[in-house]
């Protein structure tokens, strides 16, 4: 209710497209999606991004690029053995040269 005393919880889902080049300095602003106070306009919702390093993944951000580093032995390289890569969403990909 908008009586200035009561509190109403509202769950709202939004799809936010994270475009290449977004970093910790990037912000998105959605007008009229923030808090509401009695007799005032609804404020804007501001989304800020935070880059988090995940342990166990060999990905490093280099400007707009995501770089994966994998170490392998000389023998595996010469034999062109497949390489298993764990993706950011947890999938396992086998990379091989045909």
Protein backbone atom coordinates (compact mmCIF):
# COMPACT_ATOMS: atom_id res chain seq x y z
CA UNK A 1 0.00 0.00 0.00
CA UNK A 2 1.13 3.54 -0.61
CA UNK A 3 0.11 4.96 2.78
CA UNK A 4 3.66 5.65 3.99
CA UNK A 5 3.37 3.09 6.80
CA UNK A 6 2.58 -0.30 5.30
CA UNK A 7 5.16 -2.38 3.49
CA UNK A 8 4.34 -4.60 0.57
CA UNK A 9 6.91 -6.97 -0.91
CA UNK A 10 6.71 -7.30 -4.67
CA UNK A 11 8.82 -9.75 -6.63
CA UNK A 12 9.56 -8.62 -10.15
CA UNK A 13 11.71 -10.40 -12.71
CA UNK A 14 13.67 -8.58 -15.38
CA UNK A 15 15.96 -9.73 -18.14
CA UNK A 16 19.14 -7.67 -18.25
CA UNK A 17 21.33 -8.04 -21.34
CA UNK A 18 25.02 -7.86 -20.43
CA UNK A 19 26.78 -6.59 -23.53
CA UNK A 20 30.45 -6.97 -24.46
CA UNK A 21 32.51 -4.26 -22.83
CA UNK A 22 30.49 -4.03 -19.60
CA UNK A 23 32.79 -3.78 -16.60
CA UNK A 24 32.71 -2.68 -12.96
CA UNK A 25 32.24 0.94 -14.09
CA UNK A 26 29.15 0.13 -16.19
CA UNK A 27 25.70 0.95 -14.81
CA UNK A 28 22.21 0.44 -16.15
CA UNK A 29 19.33 2.67 -15.09
CA UNK A 30 15.69 1.62 -15.31
CA UNK A 31 13.28 4.49 -14.74
CA UNK A 32 10.33 3.91 -12.38
CA UNK A 33 11.54 0.44 -11.28
CA UNK A 34 12.97 1.38 -7.85
CA UNK A 35 11.43 2.00 -4.43
CA UNK A 36 8.11 3.73 -4.00
CA UNK A 37 7.36 6.26 -1.26
CA UNK A 38 3.97 7.75 -0.52
CA UNK A 39 3.30 10.97 -2.48
CA UNK A 40 6.57 10.64 -4.44
CA UNK A 41 7.37 9.29 -7.86
CA UNK A 42 8.87 5.83 -8.01
CA UNK A 43 12.67 6.05 -8.13
CA UNK A 44 14.95 4.50 -10.73
CA UNK A 45 16.51 1.06 -10.34
CA UNK A 46 20.27 1.22 -10.85
CA UNK A 47 22.18 -1.97 -11.71
CA UNK A 48 25.96 -2.01 -11.17
CA UNK A 49 28.27 -4.80 -12.28
CA UNK A 50 30.97 -6.47 -10.24
CA UNK A 51 33.62 -8.74 -11.74
CA UNK A 52 34.19 -11.83 -9.59
CA UNK A 53 37.13 -14.19 -9.97
CA UNK A 54 36.05 -17.83 -9.81
CA UNK A 55 38.56 -20.29 -8.37
CA UNK A 56 39.36 -23.29 -10.54
CA UNK A 57 38.64 -21.58 -13.85
CA UNK A 58 41.54 -20.40 -16.01
CA UNK A 59 39.70 -17.45 -17.54
CA UNK A 60 41.10 -13.91 -17.43
CA UNK A 61 39.37 -10.83 -18.79
CA UNK A 62 41.47 -8.75 -21.18
CA UNK A 63 39.42 -5.65 -22.06
CA UNK A 64 36.47 -7.03 -24.06
CA UNK A 65 38.01 -10.48 -24.49
CA UNK A 66 37.88 -13.54 -22.26
CA UNK A 67 41.18 -15.46 -22.42
CA UNK A 68 41.51 -19.11 -21.37
CA UNK A 69 44.96 -20.49 -20.50
CA UNK A 70 45.64 -24.22 -20.52
CA UNK A 71 48.95 -25.96 -19.78
CA UNK A 72 49.83 -29.25 -21.44
CA UNK A 73 52.91 -31.36 -21.95
CA UNK A 74 54.99 -31.28 -25.12
CA UNK A 75 54.03 -34.90 -25.79
CA UNK A 76 50.28 -34.09 -25.58
CA UNK A 77 50.79 -31.11 -27.88
CA UNK A 78 52.70 -33.18 -30.45
CA UNK A 79 50.14 -35.98 -30.28
CA UNK A 80 47.33 -33.39 -30.61
CA UNK A 81 45.50 -34.85 -27.61
CA UNK A 82 42.05 -33.36 -26.96
CA UNK A 83 41.84 -30.70 -24.26
CA UNK A 84 38.95 -30.53 -21.79
CA UNK A 85 37.74 -27.02 -20.94
CA UNK A 86 35.25 -26.17 -18.21
CA UNK A 87 32.99 -23.33 -19.38
CA UNK A 88 31.71 -20.51 -17.20
CA UNK A 89 28.31 -22.19 -16.95
CA UNK A 90 29.85 -25.49 -15.76
CA UNK A 91 29.77 -27.49 -19.01
CA UNK A 92 32.78 -29.57 -20.07
CA UNK A 93 33.92 -29.12 -23.67
CA UNK A 94 36.42 -31.33 -25.49
CA UNK A 95 38.54 -29.34 -27.91
CA UNK A 96 40.50 -31.27 -30.55
CA UNK A 97 42.12 -30.54 -33.86
CA UNK A 98 40.91 -32.67 -36.77
